[in-house]
C-alpha atoms as a PDB file:
ATOM      1  CA  UNK A   1     129.018  94.620  81.366  1.00  0.00           C
ATOM      2  CA  UNK A   2     127.596  97.625  83.256  1.00  0.00           C
ATOM      3  CA  UNK A   3     124.306  95.798  83.848  1.00  0.00           C
ATOM      4  CA  UNK A   4     126.159  92.825  85.367  1.00  0.00           C
ATOM      5  CA  UNK A   5     128.045  95.089  87.777  1.00  0.00           C
ATOM      6  CA  UNK A   6     124.857  97.025  88.579  1.00  0.00           C
ATOM      7  CA  UNK A   7     122.969  93.787  89.234  1.00  0.00           C
ATOM      8  CA  UNK A   8     125.752  92.516  91.484  1.00  0.00           C
ATOM      9  CA  UNK A   9     125.751  95.771  93.479  1.00  0.00           C
ATOM     10  CA  UNK A  10     121.955  95.667  93.776  1.00  0.00           C
ATOM     11  CA  UNK A  11     122.069  92.073  95.051  1.00  0.00           C
ATOM     12  CA  UNK A  12     124.822  92.861  97.577  1.00  0.00           C
ATOM     13  CA  UNK A  13     122.875  95.883  98.844  1.00  0.00           C
ATOM     14  CA  UNK A  14     119.688  93.780  99.043  1.00  0.00           C
ATOM     15  CA  UNK A  15     121.417  91.021 101.000  1.00  0.00           C
ATOM     16  CA  UNK A  16     122.944  93.596 103.349  1.00  0.00           C
ATOM     17  CA  UNK A  17     119.446  94.997 103.864  1.00  0.00           C
ATOM     18  CA  UNK A  18     118.034  91.572 104.649  1.00  0.00           C
ATOM     19  CA  UNK A  19     120.924  90.634 106.938  1.00  0.00           C
ATOM     20  CA  UNK A  20     120.873  93.879 108.886  1.00  0.00           C
ATOM     21  CA  UNK A  21     117.081  93.758 108.925  1.00  0.00           C
ATOM     22  CA  UNK A  22     117.181  90.369 110.616  1.00  0.00           C
ATOM     23  CA  UNK A  23     119.442  91.822 113.315  1.00  0.00           C
ATOM     24  CA  UNK A  24     117.015  94.734 113.756  1.00  0.00           C
ATOM     25  CA  UNK A  25     114.119  92.239 113.897  1.00  0.00           C
ATOM     26  CA  UNK A  26     115.929  90.339 116.656  1.00  0.00           C
ATOM     27  CA  UNK A  27     116.217  93.618 118.543  1.00  0.00           C
ATOM     28  CA  UNK A  28     112.545  94.396 118.072  1.00  0.00           C
ATOM     29  CA  UNK A  29     111.581  90.953 119.343  1.00  0.00           C
ATOM     30  CA  UNK A  30     113.867  91.145 122.377  1.00  0.00           C
ATOM     31  CA  UNK A  31     113.166  94.771 123.274  1.00  0.00           C
ATOM     32  CA  UNK A  32     116.638  95.953 122.348  1.00  0.00           C
ATOM     33  CA  UNK A  33     117.772  98.664 120.009  1.00  0.00           C
ATOM     34  CA  UNK A  34     120.742  98.271 117.702  1.00  0.00           C
ATOM     35  CA  UNK A  35     121.204 101.800 116.399  1.00  0.00           C
ATOM     36  CA  UNK A  36     124.033 101.072 113.971  1.00  0.00           C
ATOM     37  CA  UNK A  37     122.275  98.022 112.554  1.00  0.00           C
ATOM     38  CA  UNK A  38     119.052 100.002 112.293  1.00  0.00           C
ATOM     39  CA  UNK A  39     120.764 102.756 110.317  1.00  0.00           C
ATOM     40  CA  UNK A  40     122.384 100.166 108.043  1.00  0.00           C
ATOM     41  CA  UNK A  41     119.049  98.385 107.556  1.00  0.00           C
ATOM     42  CA  UNK A  42     117.167 101.567 106.682  1.00  0.00           C
ATOM     43  CA  UNK A  43     119.897 102.836 104.343  1.00  0.00           C
ATOM     44  CA  UNK A  44     120.380  99.555 102.480  1.00  0.00           C
ATOM     45  CA  UNK A  45     116.646  98.927 102.226  1.00  0.00           C
ATOM     46  CA  UNK A  46     116.134 102.380 100.733  1.00  0.00           C
ATOM     47  CA  UNK A  47     119.031 101.739  98.335  1.00  0.00           C
ATOM     48  CA  UNK A  48     117.565  98.349  97.414  1.00  0.00           C
ATOM     49  CA  UNK A  49     114.293  99.953  96.357  1.00  0.00           C
ATOM     50  CA  UNK A  50     115.947 102.883  94.597  1.00  0.00           C
ATOM     51  CA  UNK A  51     118.429 100.739  92.665  1.00  0.00           C
ATOM     52  CA  UNK A  52     115.583  98.428  91.661  1.00  0.00           C
ATOM     53  CA  UNK A  53     114.287 101.206  89.427  1.00  0.00           C
ATOM     54  CA  UNK A  54     117.614 101.352  87.558  1.00  0.00           C
ATOM     55  CA  UNK A  55     117.035  98.141  85.629  1.00  0.00           C
ATOM     56  CA  UNK A  56     115.784  98.374  82.051  1.00  0.00           C
ATOM     57  CA  UNK A  57     112.049  97.861  81.746  1.00  0.00           C
ATOM     58  CA  UNK A  58     109.375  98.538  79.146  1.00  0.00           C
ATOM     59  CA  UNK A  59     106.359  98.755  81.406  1.00  0.00           C
ATOM     60  CA  UNK A  60     105.397  99.184  85.041  1.00  0.00           C
ATOM     61  CA  UNK A  61     106.090  95.879  86.809  1.00  0.00           C
ATOM     62  CA  UNK A  62     104.927  94.405  90.131  1.00  0.00           C
ATOM     63  CA  UNK A  63     108.485  94.911  91.408  1.00  0.00           C
ATOM     64  CA  UNK A  64     108.058  98.649  90.856  1.00  0.00           C
ATOM     65  CA  UNK A  65     104.903  98.630  92.970  1.00  0.00           C
ATOM     66  CA  UNK A  66     106.759  96.784  95.742  1.00  0.00           C
ATOM     67  CA  UNK A  67     109.635  99.288  95.509  1.00  0.00           C
ATOM     68  CA  UNK A  68     107.313 102.288  95.732  1.00  0.00           C
ATOM     69  CA  UNK A  69     105.380 100.791  98.629  1.00  0.00           C
ATOM     70  CA  UNK A  70     108.616  99.954 100.435  1.00  0.00           C
ATOM     71  CA  UNK A  71     109.889 103.521 100.022  1.00  0.00           C
ATOM     72  CA  UNK A  72     106.629 104.940 101.387  1.00  0.00           C
ATOM     73  CA  UNK A  73     106.864 102.610 104.390  1.00  0.00           C
ATOM     74  CA  UNK A  74     110.486 103.602 104.933  1.00  0.00           C
ATOM     75  CA  UNK A  75     109.536 107.287 105.012  1.00  0.00           C
ATOM     76  CA  UNK A  76     107.243 106.476 107.932  1.00  0.00           C
ATOM     77  CA  UNK A  77     109.974 104.377 109.597  1.00  0.00           C
ATOM     78  CA  UNK A  78     112.424 107.256 109.332  1.00  0.00           C
ATOM     79  CA  UNK A  79     109.905 109.787 110.624  1.00  0.00           C
ATOM     80  CA  UNK A  80     108.869 107.559 113.518  1.00  0.00           C
ATOM     81  CA  UNK A  81     112.422 106.802 114.561  1.00  0.00           C
ATOM     82  CA  UNK A  82     114.337 110.002 113.928  1.00  0.00           C
ATOM     83  CA  UNK A  83     111.760 112.790 113.942  1.00  0.00           C
ATOM     84  CA  UNK A  84     109.208 111.567 116.485  1.00  0.00           C
ATOM     85  CA  UNK A  85     111.613 109.336 118.456  1.00  0.00           C
ATOM     86  CA  UNK A  86     109.036 106.564 118.838  1.00  0.00           C
ATOM     87  CA  UNK A  87     106.737 108.693 120.977  1.00  0.00           C
ATOM     88  CA  UNK A  88     103.160 107.481 121.332  1.00  0.00           C
ATOM     89  CA  UNK A  89     101.753 105.778 118.241  1.00  0.00           C
ATOM     90  CA  UNK A  90     105.038 106.335 116.396  1.00  0.00           C
ATOM     91  CA  UNK A  91     106.503 103.344 118.259  1.00  0.00           C
ATOM     92  CA  UNK A  92     104.172 100.834 116.656  1.00  0.00           C
ATOM     93  CA  UNK A  93     104.235 102.731 113.343  1.00  0.00           C
ATOM     94  CA  UNK A  94     108.009 102.278 113.306  1.00  0.00           C
ATOM     95  CA  UNK A  95     107.807  98.593 114.223  1.00  0.00           C
ATOM     96  CA  UNK A  96     105.152  97.782 111.616  1.00  0.00           C
ATOM     97  CA  UNK A  97     106.769  99.757 108.794  1.00  0.00           C
ATOM     98  CA  UNK A  98     110.243  98.355 109.533  1.00  0.00           C
ATOM     99  CA  UNK A  99     108.907  94.793 109.633  1.00  0.00           C
ATOM    100  CA  UNK A 100     106.966  95.333 106.399  1.00  0.00           C
ATOM    101  CA  UNK A 101     110.022  96.798 104.661  1.00  0.00           C
ATOM    102  CA  UNK A 102     112.053  93.738 105.674  1.00  0.00           C
ATOM    103  CA  UNK A 103     109.197  91.467 104.601  1.00  0.00           C
ATOM    104  CA  UNK A 104     109.152  93.066 101.135  1.00  0.00           C
ATOM    105  CA  UNK A 105     112.907  92.438 100.811  1.00  0.00           C
ATOM    106  CA  UNK A 106     112.464  88.792 101.773  1.00  0.00           C
ATOM    107  CA  UNK A 107     109.355  88.452  99.571  1.00  0.00           C
ATOM    108  CA  UNK A 108     111.374  89.621  96.560  1.00  0.00           C
ATOM    109  CA  UNK A 109     114.339  87.424  97.571  1.00  0.00           C
ATOM    110  CA  UNK A 110     112.039  84.380  97.516  1.00  0.00           C
ATOM    111  CA  UNK A 111     110.782  85.377  94.062  1.00  0.00           C
ATOM    112  CA  UNK A 112     114.346  85.806  92.832  1.00  0.00           C
ATOM    113  CA  UNK A 113     115.380  82.465  94.343  1.00  0.00           C
ATOM    114  CA  UNK A 114     112.560  80.685  92.521  1.00  0.00           C
ATOM    115  CA  UNK A 115     113.559  82.444  89.285  1.00  0.00           C
ATOM    116  CA  UNK A 116     117.331  81.946  89.510  1.00  0.00           C
ATOM    117  CA  UNK A 117     117.975  78.718  91.438  1.00  0.00           C
ATOM    118  CA  UNK A 118     117.576  75.790  89.060  1.00  0.00           C
ATOM    119  CA  UNK A 119     116.093  73.330  91.565  1.00  0.00           C
ATOM    120  CA  UNK A 120     113.510  75.868  92.739  1.00  0.00           C
ATOM    121  CA  UNK A 121     112.673  76.940  89.199  1.00  0.00           C
ATOM    122  CA  UNK A 122     112.143  73.275  88.294  1.00  0.00           C
ATOM    123  CA  UNK A 123     109.531  72.763  91.032  1.00  0.00           C
ATOM    124  CA  UNK A 124     107.753  76.094  90.418  1.00  0.00           C
ATOM    125  CA  UNK A 125     108.527  77.352  86.897  1.00  0.00           C
ATOM    126  CA  UNK A 126     105.615  79.835  86.773  1.00  0.00           C
ATOM    127  CA  UNK A 127     105.658  80.721  90.481  1.00  0.00           C
ATOM    128  CA  UNK A 128     102.028  79.709  90.782  1.00  0.00           C
ATOM    129  CA  UNK A 129     102.789  76.124  91.829  1.00  0.00           C
ATOM    130  CA  UNK A 130     102.190  74.915  95.412  1.00  0.00           C
ATOM    131  CA  UNK A 131     105.876  74.974  96.520  1.00  0.00           C
ATOM    132  CA  UNK A 132     106.171  78.670  95.661  1.00  0.00           C
ATOM    133  CA  UNK A 133     102.781  79.599  97.105  1.00  0.00           C
ATOM    134  CA  UNK A 134     103.499  77.568 100.259  1.00  0.00           C
ATOM    135  CA  UNK A 135     106.905  79.213 100.704  1.00  0.00           C
ATOM    136  CA  UNK A 136     105.477  82.715 100.347  1.00  0.00           C
ATOM    137  CA  UNK A 137     102.609  81.841 102.708  1.00  0.00           C
ATOM    138  CA  UNK A 138     105.083  80.622 105.335  1.00  0.00           C
ATOM    139  CA  UNK A 139     107.175  83.799 104.941  1.00  0.00           C
ATOM    140  CA  UNK A 140     104.054  85.966 105.283  1.00  0.00           C
ATOM    141  CA  UNK A 141     102.907  84.018 108.341  1.00  0.00           C
ATOM    142  CA  UNK A 142     106.296  84.313 110.033  1.00  0.00           C
ATOM    143  CA  UNK A 143     106.500  88.048 109.392  1.00  0.00           C
ATOM    144  CA  UNK A 144     102.938  88.573 110.600  1.00  0.00           C
ATOM    145  CA  UNK A 145     103.754  86.741 113.830  1.00  0.00           C
ATOM    146  CA  UNK A 146     107.023  88.651 114.241  1.00  0.00           C
ATOM    147  CA  UNK A 147     105.241  91.972 113.659  1.00  0.00           C
ATOM    148  CA  UNK A 148     102.666  91.192 116.344  1.00  0.00           C
ATOM    149  CA  UNK A 149     105.308  90.075 118.828  1.00  0.00           C
ATOM    150  CA  UNK A 150     107.510  93.079 118.039  1.00  0.00           C
ATOM    151  CA  UNK A 151     104.666  95.574 118.549  1.00  0.00           C
ATOM    152  CA  UNK A 152     103.954  93.964 121.910  1.00  0.00           C
ATOM    153  CA  UNK A 153     107.563  93.548 122.987  1.00  0.00           C
ATOM    154  CA  UNK A 154     109.484  96.557 121.700  1.00  0.00           C
ATOM    155  CA  UNK A 155     109.383  99.365 124.263  1.00  0.00           C
ATOM    156  CA  UNK A 156     109.722 102.944 123.071  1.00  0.00           C
ATOM    157  CA  UNK A 157     112.338 103.598 125.723  1.00  0.00           C
ATOM    158  CA  UNK A 158     114.636 100.935 124.229  1.00  0.00           C
ATOM    159  CA  UNK A 159     115.831 103.348 121.558  1.00  0.00           C
ATOM    160  CA  UNK A 160     116.159 106.233 123.993  1.00  0.00           C
ATOM    161  CA  UNK A 161     118.109 104.024 126.444  1.00  0.00           C
ATOM    162  CA  UNK A 162     120.439 102.831 123.684  1.00  0.00           C
ATOM    163  CA  UNK A 163     120.993 106.409 122.552  1.00  0.00           C
ATOM    164  CA  UNK A 164     121.758 107.497 126.110  1.00  0.00           C
ATOM    165  CA  UNK A 165     124.285 104.621 126.471  1.00  0.00           C
ATOM    166  CA  UNK A 166     125.886 105.625 123.173  1.00  0.00           C
ATOM    167  CA  UNK A 167     126.169 109.259 124.280  1.00  0.00           C
ATOM    168  CA  UNK A 168     127.701 108.272 127.637  1.00  0.00           C
ATOM    169  CA  UNK A 169     130.141 105.954 125.875  1.00  0.00           C
ATOM    170  CA  UNK A 170     131.030 108.688 123.392  1.00  0.00           C
ATOM    171  CA  UNK A 171     131.482 111.241 126.200  1.00  0.00           C
ATOM    172  CA  UNK A 172     133.736 108.820 128.077  1.00  0.00           C
ATOM    173  CA  UNK A 173     135.821 108.199 124.962  1.00  0.00           C
ATOM    174  CA  UNK A 174     136.164 111.924 124.260  1.00  0.00           C
ATOM    175  CA  UNK A 175     137.081 112.652 127.876  1.00  0.00           C
ATOM    176  CA  UNK A 176     140.012 110.224 127.859  1.00  0.00           C
END
């Protein structure tokens, strides 16, 4: 019973991470910053990786490697965004690490879909068949393209401008 509830919570957190990550990706591609969505994305993506280690296992699995790598990337995302405020090289470090963290979530979601959805499992039961490989290749290609476009298109001042707008809005609300 506990494992079912834990699994459900992990899936909900993972889907929230993917959903909010897609909003953040849209912002990166359009040069806009969505601070609340970014915070939600980073928090849920960290929780996704952390809760992934709570499942019973007898040996180190590929999913553990993905979780560890994602957490390392997220440390750099957090540092770039909150400590170094996207100054200099930290802008592209943030973009790349955030995109990679979202990619890892989607990568695992595709694996889970091919394991759990009957029609997908039927066409790729061992996940080495062409439909699975093709799907993962398309996902990788899309995220590679999005990462390149985001590095080019996301200005460091987008976050600072959004923060300044938030502070002005907050000051106006407090002053009323």
